Amino acid sequence: LGNLASLEELHLSKNRLRVLPTGSVENMTDLQILDVSHNFLTKIPKSIGLNHYLKNLLLGCNQIEELPRTTIAMTGLQRLDVSGNQLTRLPEI
């Protein structure tokens, strides 16, 4: 997926994803919407924070316990949905 540099939206919701591989989205420099909701993800790679143009990050209804600290560096983020997960803490600012 990393070769799709011009991709603006990636919708992978309602699959059976257990892992979002490191390196899968940071080369997608035009990516604005990433929807991986309704899967079985337990964590998000730290490298997700390298995508500063991402506006919508939809992680709802997974099994995520913790968000990587790098998510607070995502200055372009307008919508972050982490509802329906198993979060035990949020990254500190």
C-alpha atoms as a PDB file:
ATOM      1  CA  LEU A   1       0.000   0.000   0.000  1.00  0.00           C
ATOM      2  CA  GLY A   2       2.879   2.366   0.675  1.00  0.00           C
ATOM      3  CA  ASN A   3       3.408   2.976  -3.064  1.00  0.00           C
ATOM      4  CA  LEU A   4       0.039   4.720  -3.398  1.00  0.00           C
ATOM      5  CA  ALA A   5       1.416   8.183  -2.692  1.00  0.00           C
ATOM      6  CA  SER A   6      -1.467  10.043  -4.397  1.00  0.00           C
ATOM      7  CA  LEU A   7      -4.236   8.207  -2.550  1.00  0.00           C
ATOM      8  CA  GLU A   8      -6.484  10.606  -0.614  1.00  0.00           C
ATOM      9  CA  GLU A   9      -8.902   8.167   1.037  1.00  0.00           C
ATOM     10  CA  LEU A  10      -8.414   4.624   2.284  1.00  0.00           C
ATOM     11  CA  HIS A  11     -11.429   2.786   3.640  1.00  0.00           C
ATOM     12  CA  LEU A  12     -10.696  -0.592   5.214  1.00  0.00           C
ATOM     13  CA  SER A  13     -13.581  -0.758   7.672  1.00  0.00           C
ATOM     14  CA  LYS A  14     -15.512  -3.922   8.477  1.00  0.00           C
ATOM     15  CA  ASN A  15     -12.789  -6.341   7.528  1.00  0.00           C
ATOM     16  CA  ARG A  16     -10.956  -8.705   9.818  1.00  0.00           C
ATOM     17  CA  LEU A  17      -7.734  -6.757  10.067  1.00  0.00           C
ATOM     18  CA  ARG A  18      -5.674  -7.581  13.134  1.00  0.00           C
ATOM     19  CA  VAL A  19      -2.625  -5.487  12.208  1.00  0.00           C
ATOM     20  CA  LEU A  20      -2.004  -2.211  10.450  1.00  0.00           C
ATOM     21  CA  PRO A  21       1.598  -2.770   9.343  1.00  0.00           C
ATOM     22  CA  THR A  22       4.307  -0.237  10.044  1.00  0.00           C
ATOM     23  CA  GLY A  23       5.122   1.487   6.775  1.00  0.00           C
ATOM     24  CA  SER A  24       1.661   1.009   5.312  1.00  0.00           C
ATOM     25  CA  VAL A  25       0.472   4.634   5.311  1.00  0.00           C
ATOM     26  CA  GLU A  26       3.301   7.068   6.029  1.00  0.00           C
ATOM     27  CA  ASN A  27       4.341   7.216   2.349  1.00  0.00           C
ATOM     28  CA  MET A  28       0.798   8.123   1.353  1.00  0.00           C
ATOM     29  CA  THR A  29       1.548  11.814   1.535  1.00  0.00           C
ATOM     30  CA  ASP A  30      -1.843  12.904   0.155  1.00  0.00           C
ATOM     31  CA  LEU A  31      -3.875  10.648   2.450  1.00  0.00           C
ATOM     32  CA  GLN A  32      -6.563  12.645   4.219  1.00  0.00           C
ATOM     33  CA  ILE A  33      -8.986   9.942   5.388  1.00  0.00           C
ATOM     34  CA  LEU A  34      -8.027   6.605   6.922  1.00  0.00           C
ATOM     35  CA  ASP A  35     -10.923   4.437   8.036  1.00  0.00           C
ATOM     36  CA  VAL A  36      -9.934   1.185   9.753  1.00  0.00           C
ATOM     37  CA  SER A  37     -12.974   1.048  12.015  1.00  0.00           C
ATOM     38  CA  HIS A  38     -14.795  -2.178  12.857  1.00  0.00           C
ATOM     39  CA  ASN A  39     -11.772  -4.464  12.695  1.00  0.00           C
ATOM     40  CA  PHE A  40      -9.750  -6.372  15.273  1.00  0.00           C
ATOM     41  CA  LEU A  41      -6.802  -3.985  15.630  1.00  0.00           C
ATOM     42  CA  THR A  42      -5.110  -4.011  19.022  1.00  0.00           C
ATOM     43  CA  LYS A  43      -2.588  -1.251  18.334  1.00  0.00           C
ATOM     44  CA  ILE A  44      -1.728   1.442  15.835  1.00  0.00           C
ATOM     45  CA  PRO A  45       1.855   1.809  14.551  1.00  0.00           C
ATOM     46  CA  LYS A  46       3.805   4.781  15.882  1.00  0.00           C
ATOM     47  CA  SER A  47       4.600   5.728  12.295  1.00  0.00           C
ATOM     48  CA  ILE A  48       0.986   6.865  11.807  1.00  0.00           C
ATOM     49  CA  GLY A  49       2.033  10.176  13.374  1.00  0.00           C
ATOM     50  CA  LEU A  50       4.345  10.876  10.436  1.00  0.00           C
ATOM     51  CA  ASN A  51       1.369  11.637   8.226  1.00  0.00           C
ATOM     52  CA  HIS A  52       0.757  15.316   8.971  1.00  0.00           C
ATOM     53  CA  TYR A  53      -1.885  15.719   6.243  1.00  0.00           C
ATOM     54  CA  LEU A  54      -4.288  13.140   7.631  1.00  0.00           C
ATOM     55  CA  LYS A  55      -7.544  14.902   8.525  1.00  0.00           C
ATOM     56  CA  ASN A  56      -9.777  11.987   9.536  1.00  0.00           C
ATOM     57  CA  LEU A  57      -8.475   8.976  11.441  1.00  0.00           C
ATOM     58  CA  LEU A  58     -11.295   6.547  12.140  1.00  0.00           C
ATOM     59  CA  LEU A  59     -10.279   3.791  14.553  1.00  0.00           C
ATOM     60  CA  GLY A  60     -13.637   3.071  16.189  1.00  0.00           C
ATOM     61  CA  CYS A  61     -14.834  -0.404  17.177  1.00  0.00           C
ATOM     62  CA  ASN A  62     -11.488  -2.171  17.388  1.00  0.00           C
ATOM     63  CA  GLN A  63      -9.605  -3.558  20.389  1.00  0.00           C
ATOM     64  CA  ILE A  64      -7.070  -0.762  20.768  1.00  0.00           C
ATOM     65  CA  GLU A  65      -5.808  -0.297  24.334  1.00  0.00           C
ATOM     66  CA  GLU A  66      -3.436   2.617  23.793  1.00  0.00           C
ATOM     67  CA  LEU A  67      -2.804   5.294  21.171  1.00  0.00           C
ATOM     68  CA  PRO A  68       0.792   5.952  20.177  1.00  0.00           C
ATOM     69  CA  ARG A  69       2.271   9.173  21.502  1.00  0.00           C
ATOM     70  CA  THR A  70       2.908  10.244  17.904  1.00  0.00           C
ATOM     71  CA  THR A  71      -0.807  10.879  17.374  1.00  0.00           C
ATOM     72  CA  ILE A  72      -0.515  14.168  19.271  1.00  0.00           C
ATOM     73  CA  ALA A  73       1.925  15.405  16.597  1.00  0.00           C
ATOM     74  CA  MET A  74      -0.692  15.059  13.848  1.00  0.00           C
ATOM     75  CA  THR A  75      -1.316  18.784  13.439  1.00  0.00           C
ATOM     76  CA  GLY A  76      -3.713  18.444  10.487  1.00  0.00           C
ATOM     77  CA  LEU A  77      -6.014  16.004  12.250  1.00  0.00           C
ATOM     78  CA  GLN A  78      -9.592  17.265  12.418  1.00  0.00           C
ATOM     79  CA  ARG A  79     -11.437  14.093  13.409  1.00  0.00           C
ATOM     80  CA  LEU A  80     -10.214  11.231  15.569  1.00  0.00           C
ATOM     81  CA  ASP A  81     -12.702   8.473  16.341  1.00  0.00           C
ATOM     82  CA  VAL A  82     -11.557   5.935  18.915  1.00  0.00           C
ATOM     83  CA  SER A  83     -15.006   5.006  20.213  1.00  0.00           C
ATOM     84  CA  GLY A  84     -15.765   1.381  20.986  1.00  0.00           C
ATOM     85  CA  ASN A  85     -12.200   0.418  21.871  1.00  0.00           C
ATOM     86  CA  GLN A  86     -10.544  -0.705  25.087  1.00  0.00           C
ATOM     87  CA  LEU A  87      -8.455   2.385  25.767  1.00  0.00           C
ATOM     88  CA  THR A  88      -6.869   2.464  29.197  1.00  0.00           C
ATOM     89  CA  ARG A  89      -5.052   5.775  28.706  1.00  0.00           C
ATOM     90  CA  LEU A  90      -4.479   8.592  26.247  1.00  0.00           C
ATOM     91  CA  PRO A  91      -1.128  10.008  25.136  1.00  0.00           C
ATOM     92  CA  GLU A  92       0.116  12.866  27.281  1.00  0.00           C
ATOM     93  CA  ILE A  93       0.526  16.259  25.655  1.00  0.00           C
END
